[in-house]
Amino acid sequence: MTVASPAEPQTTNKSIISIPPSELRDFKGGNTRRKRVQKSFAELVESVRISGIIQSPVARLSDDGAYELVVGHNRRDAAIEVG
């Protein structure tokens, strides 16, 4: 758990919501780590199939109202593959 110290600004506009993986688009800056090792990805897909996604991807609301994926591209892709 992370607790903000008094010196850190407190942000009140953050929330956790559920979004279908297919509705998360890549952010316009692109994914700088797009190289994927197939064996590792296959292992991730199997892990998601068995245990679900343990660490949630992070998305942000874009100016046009869509959700852009900031981190967790492989987790999102694995969830889509699992169905």
Protein backbone atom coordinates (compact mmCIF):
# COMPACT_ATOMS: atom_id res chain seq x y z
CA MET A 1 0.00 0.00 0.00
CA THR A 2 1.26 3.48 -0.85
CA VAL A 3 0.46 6.38 1.42
CA ALA A 4 1.16 9.95 0.36
CA SER A 5 3.26 11.94 2.79
CA PRO A 6 2.09 15.44 3.74
CA ALA A 7 4.68 16.90 1.33
CA GLU A 8 3.21 15.02 -1.64
CA PRO A 9 0.18 16.39 -3.49
CA GLN A 10 -2.97 14.34 -3.04
CA THR A 11 -4.87 13.50 -6.23
CA THR A 12 -8.58 12.88 -5.95
CA ASN A 13 -9.43 12.12 -9.59
CA LYS A 14 -8.01 8.58 -9.66
CA SER A 15 -10.30 5.57 -9.57
CA ILE A 16 -10.27 1.88 -10.31
CA ILE A 17 -12.79 0.66 -12.86
CA SER A 18 -13.21 -2.46 -14.97
CA ILE A 19 -12.80 -2.06 -18.72
CA PRO A 20 -13.05 -4.91 -21.24
CA PRO A 21 -9.53 -5.58 -22.62
CA SER A 22 -10.76 -5.06 -26.18
CA GLU A 23 -11.69 -1.46 -25.30
CA LEU A 24 -8.16 -0.52 -24.22
CA ARG A 25 -6.27 1.02 -27.11
CA ASP A 26 -2.54 1.68 -27.20
CA PHE A 27 -1.68 5.22 -26.23
CA LYS A 28 -0.67 7.56 -29.01
CA GLY A 29 2.97 7.63 -27.88
CA GLY A 30 3.22 3.94 -28.74
CA ASN A 31 4.54 1.06 -26.72
CA THR A 32 8.31 1.40 -26.53
CA ARG A 33 8.67 -2.25 -25.40
CA ARG A 34 6.77 -3.86 -28.24
CA LYS A 35 9.32 -6.63 -28.82
CA ARG A 36 7.66 -9.79 -27.60
CA VAL A 37 9.37 -13.07 -26.78
CA GLN A 38 6.88 -15.74 -27.92
CA LYS A 39 7.83 -18.31 -25.26
CA SER A 40 7.41 -15.75 -22.47
CA PHE A 41 4.12 -14.54 -23.95
CA ALA A 42 2.83 -18.12 -24.20
CA GLU A 43 3.69 -18.58 -20.52
CA LEU A 44 1.84 -15.34 -19.69
CA VAL A 45 -1.22 -16.51 -21.63
CA GLU A 46 -1.22 -19.79 -19.70
CA SER A 47 -0.82 -17.92 -16.40
CA VAL A 48 -3.75 -15.62 -17.25
CA ARG A 49 -5.79 -18.66 -18.24
CA ILE A 50 -5.12 -20.33 -14.87
CA SER A 51 -4.95 -17.40 -12.44
CA GLY A 52 -6.38 -14.39 -14.23
CA ILE A 53 -4.57 -11.07 -14.32
CA ILE A 54 -2.83 -10.56 -10.99
CA GLN A 55 -1.34 -7.12 -11.61
CA SER A 56 -3.80 -4.83 -13.38
CA PRO A 57 -2.81 -2.84 -16.45
CA VAL A 58 -2.91 0.95 -16.14
CA ALA A 59 -4.95 3.09 -18.51
CA ARG A 60 -5.81 6.74 -18.81
CA LEU A 61 -8.82 8.52 -20.21
CA SER A 62 -7.90 10.32 -23.42
CA ASP A 63 -9.31 13.62 -24.62
CA ASP A 64 -11.74 11.81 -26.94
CA GLY A 65 -13.17 9.68 -24.12
CA ALA A 66 -11.39 6.42 -25.02
CA TYR A 67 -9.12 4.56 -22.60
CA GLU A 68 -5.45 4.40 -23.56
CA LEU A 69 -3.25 1.67 -22.16
CA VAL A 70 -0.17 3.08 -20.44
CA VAL A 71 1.33 -0.14 -19.03
CA GLY A 72 0.26 -3.76 -19.30
CA HIS A 73 0.11 -4.27 -23.07
CA ASN A 74 1.16 -7.92 -22.85
CA ARG A 75 -1.32 -8.60 -20.03
CA ARG A 76 -4.10 -7.06 -22.10
CA ASP A 77 -3.10 -9.07 -25.17
CA ALA A 78 -2.92 -12.28 -23.10
CA ALA A 79 -6.40 -11.63 -21.68
CA ILE A 80 -7.77 -11.11 -25.19
CA GLU A 81 -6.14 -14.35 -26.34
CA VAL A 82 -7.61 -16.25 -23.38
CA GLY A 83 -11.02 -14.81 -24.15
